[in-house]
């Protein structure tokens, strides 16, 4: 949580960029899976943790990539 925003972060790592950039692995199909999982999680909160569920006003999807030792976080990536 960041204030009233639920933050979901997909993490991808690569030793190097020889096979493409790590962020490229977060395809539209993967984004859909993450969104569906988030929907299920929020529904679980509605049933099992109404106090936390009530705090959620919006959702943000970030992507964190690690290439070698370089960390990059893309806020609001999708």
C-alpha atoms as a PDB file:
ATOM      1  CA  UNK A   1       0.000   0.000   0.000  1.00  0.00           C
ATOM      2  CA  UNK A   2       1.088   3.535  -0.744  1.00  0.00           C
ATOM      3  CA  UNK A   3      -1.440   5.626   1.105  1.00  0.00           C
ATOM      4  CA  UNK A   4      -4.782   4.440  -0.267  1.00  0.00           C
ATOM      5  CA  UNK A   5      -3.236   2.996  -3.417  1.00  0.00           C
ATOM      6  CA  UNK A   6      -2.633  -0.727  -3.756  1.00  0.00           C
ATOM      7  CA  UNK A   7       0.723  -1.153  -5.502  1.00  0.00           C
ATOM      8  CA  UNK A   8       1.355  -4.370  -7.416  1.00  0.00           C
ATOM      9  CA  UNK A   9       4.884  -4.894  -8.711  1.00  0.00           C
ATOM     10  CA  UNK A  10       5.951  -7.470 -11.283  1.00  0.00           C
ATOM     11  CA  UNK A  11       9.666  -8.267 -10.938  1.00  0.00           C
ATOM     12  CA  UNK A  12      11.862  -9.486 -13.796  1.00  0.00           C
ATOM     13  CA  UNK A  13      15.590 -10.198 -13.758  1.00  0.00           C
ATOM     14  CA  UNK A  14      18.216 -10.848 -16.400  1.00  0.00           C
ATOM     15  CA  UNK A  15      21.957 -11.447 -16.172  1.00  0.00           C
ATOM     16  CA  UNK A  16      22.339  -9.196 -19.232  1.00  0.00           C
ATOM     17  CA  UNK A  17      20.343  -7.928 -22.209  1.00  0.00           C
ATOM     18  CA  UNK A  18      21.555 -10.615 -24.640  1.00  0.00           C
ATOM     19  CA  UNK A  19      18.035 -12.060 -24.923  1.00  0.00           C
ATOM     20  CA  UNK A  20      16.162  -8.760 -24.635  1.00  0.00           C
ATOM     21  CA  UNK A  21      15.335  -6.318 -21.911  1.00  0.00           C
ATOM     22  CA  UNK A  22      13.707  -7.633 -18.745  1.00  0.00           C
ATOM     23  CA  UNK A  23      10.738  -5.255 -19.045  1.00  0.00           C
ATOM     24  CA  UNK A  24       9.919  -6.741 -22.462  1.00  0.00           C
ATOM     25  CA  UNK A  25       8.986  -9.969 -20.680  1.00  0.00           C
ATOM     26  CA  UNK A  26       5.962  -8.218 -19.173  1.00  0.00           C
ATOM     27  CA  UNK A  27       3.839  -8.841 -22.242  1.00  0.00           C
ATOM     28  CA  UNK A  28       0.153  -7.937 -22.576  1.00  0.00           C
ATOM     29  CA  UNK A  29      -0.702 -11.561 -21.712  1.00  0.00           C
ATOM     30  CA  UNK A  30       1.410 -11.352 -18.530  1.00  0.00           C
ATOM     31  CA  UNK A  31      -0.191  -8.017 -17.658  1.00  0.00           C
ATOM     32  CA  UNK A  32      -3.625  -9.615 -17.951  1.00  0.00           C
ATOM     33  CA  UNK A  33      -2.562 -12.439 -15.609  1.00  0.00           C
ATOM     34  CA  UNK A  34      -1.280  -9.923 -13.060  1.00  0.00           C
ATOM     35  CA  UNK A  35      -4.500  -7.881 -13.302  1.00  0.00           C
ATOM     36  CA  UNK A  36      -6.633 -11.008 -12.826  1.00  0.00           C
ATOM     37  CA  UNK A  37      -4.562 -12.127  -9.843  1.00  0.00           C
ATOM     38  CA  UNK A  38      -4.896  -8.656  -8.349  1.00  0.00           C
ATOM     39  CA  UNK A  39      -8.669  -8.744  -8.821  1.00  0.00           C
ATOM     40  CA  UNK A  40      -8.759 -12.110  -7.001  1.00  0.00           C
ATOM     41  CA  UNK A  41      -6.558 -10.712  -4.210  1.00  0.00           C
ATOM     42  CA  UNK A  42      -8.785  -7.668  -3.732  1.00  0.00           C
ATOM     43  CA  UNK A  43     -11.847  -9.931  -3.655  1.00  0.00           C
ATOM     44  CA  UNK A  44     -10.106 -12.077  -1.023  1.00  0.00           C
ATOM     45  CA  UNK A  45      -9.506  -8.925   1.030  1.00  0.00           C
ATOM     46  CA  UNK A  46     -13.157  -7.929   0.695  1.00  0.00           C
ATOM     47  CA  UNK A  47     -14.165 -11.222   2.301  1.00  0.00           C
ATOM     48  CA  UNK A  48     -11.291 -11.716   4.766  1.00  0.00           C
ATOM     49  CA  UNK A  49      -9.860  -8.295   5.638  1.00  0.00           C
ATOM     50  CA  UNK A  50     -12.551  -5.665   5.242  1.00  0.00           C
ATOM     51  CA  UNK A  51     -10.463  -3.012   7.012  1.00  0.00           C
ATOM     52  CA  UNK A  52      -7.643  -3.271   4.474  1.00  0.00           C
ATOM     53  CA  UNK A  53     -10.099  -3.607   1.595  1.00  0.00           C
ATOM     54  CA  UNK A  54     -11.814  -0.396   2.670  1.00  0.00           C
ATOM     55  CA  UNK A  55      -8.485   1.505   2.447  1.00  0.00           C
ATOM     56  CA  UNK A  56      -7.964   0.689  -1.236  1.00  0.00           C
ATOM     57  CA  UNK A  57      -9.040   3.576  -3.471  1.00  0.00           C
ATOM     58  CA  UNK A  58      -6.933   2.791  -6.544  1.00  0.00           C
ATOM     59  CA  UNK A  59      -4.434   0.291  -7.896  1.00  0.00           C
ATOM     60  CA  UNK A  60      -1.075   0.905  -9.542  1.00  0.00           C
ATOM     61  CA  UNK A  61       0.933  -1.652 -11.518  1.00  0.00           C
ATOM     62  CA  UNK A  62       4.711  -1.224 -11.448  1.00  0.00           C
ATOM     63  CA  UNK A  63       7.494  -3.264 -13.020  1.00  0.00           C
ATOM     64  CA  UNK A  64      10.882  -3.706 -11.343  1.00  0.00           C
ATOM     65  CA  UNK A  65      13.733  -4.978 -13.487  1.00  0.00           C
ATOM     66  CA  UNK A  66      17.149  -6.179 -12.498  1.00  0.00           C
ATOM     67  CA  UNK A  67      19.810  -6.467 -15.195  1.00  0.00           C
ATOM     68  CA  UNK A  68      23.051  -7.649 -13.695  1.00  0.00           C
ATOM     69  CA  UNK A  69      23.256  -5.379 -10.653  1.00  0.00           C
ATOM     70  CA  UNK A  70      21.247  -2.517 -12.187  1.00  0.00           C
ATOM     71  CA  UNK A  71      17.793  -2.028 -10.648  1.00  0.00           C
ATOM     72  CA  UNK A  72      15.108  -0.019 -12.428  1.00  0.00           C
ATOM     73  CA  UNK A  73      11.537   0.544 -11.243  1.00  0.00           C
ATOM     74  CA  UNK A  74       8.919   1.609 -13.764  1.00  0.00           C
ATOM     75  CA  UNK A  75       6.029   3.239 -11.931  1.00  0.00           C
ATOM     76  CA  UNK A  76       2.564   2.911 -13.459  1.00  0.00           C
ATOM     77  CA  UNK A  77       4.032   0.580 -16.081  1.00  0.00           C
ATOM     78  CA  UNK A  78       0.644  -0.753 -17.180  1.00  0.00           C
END
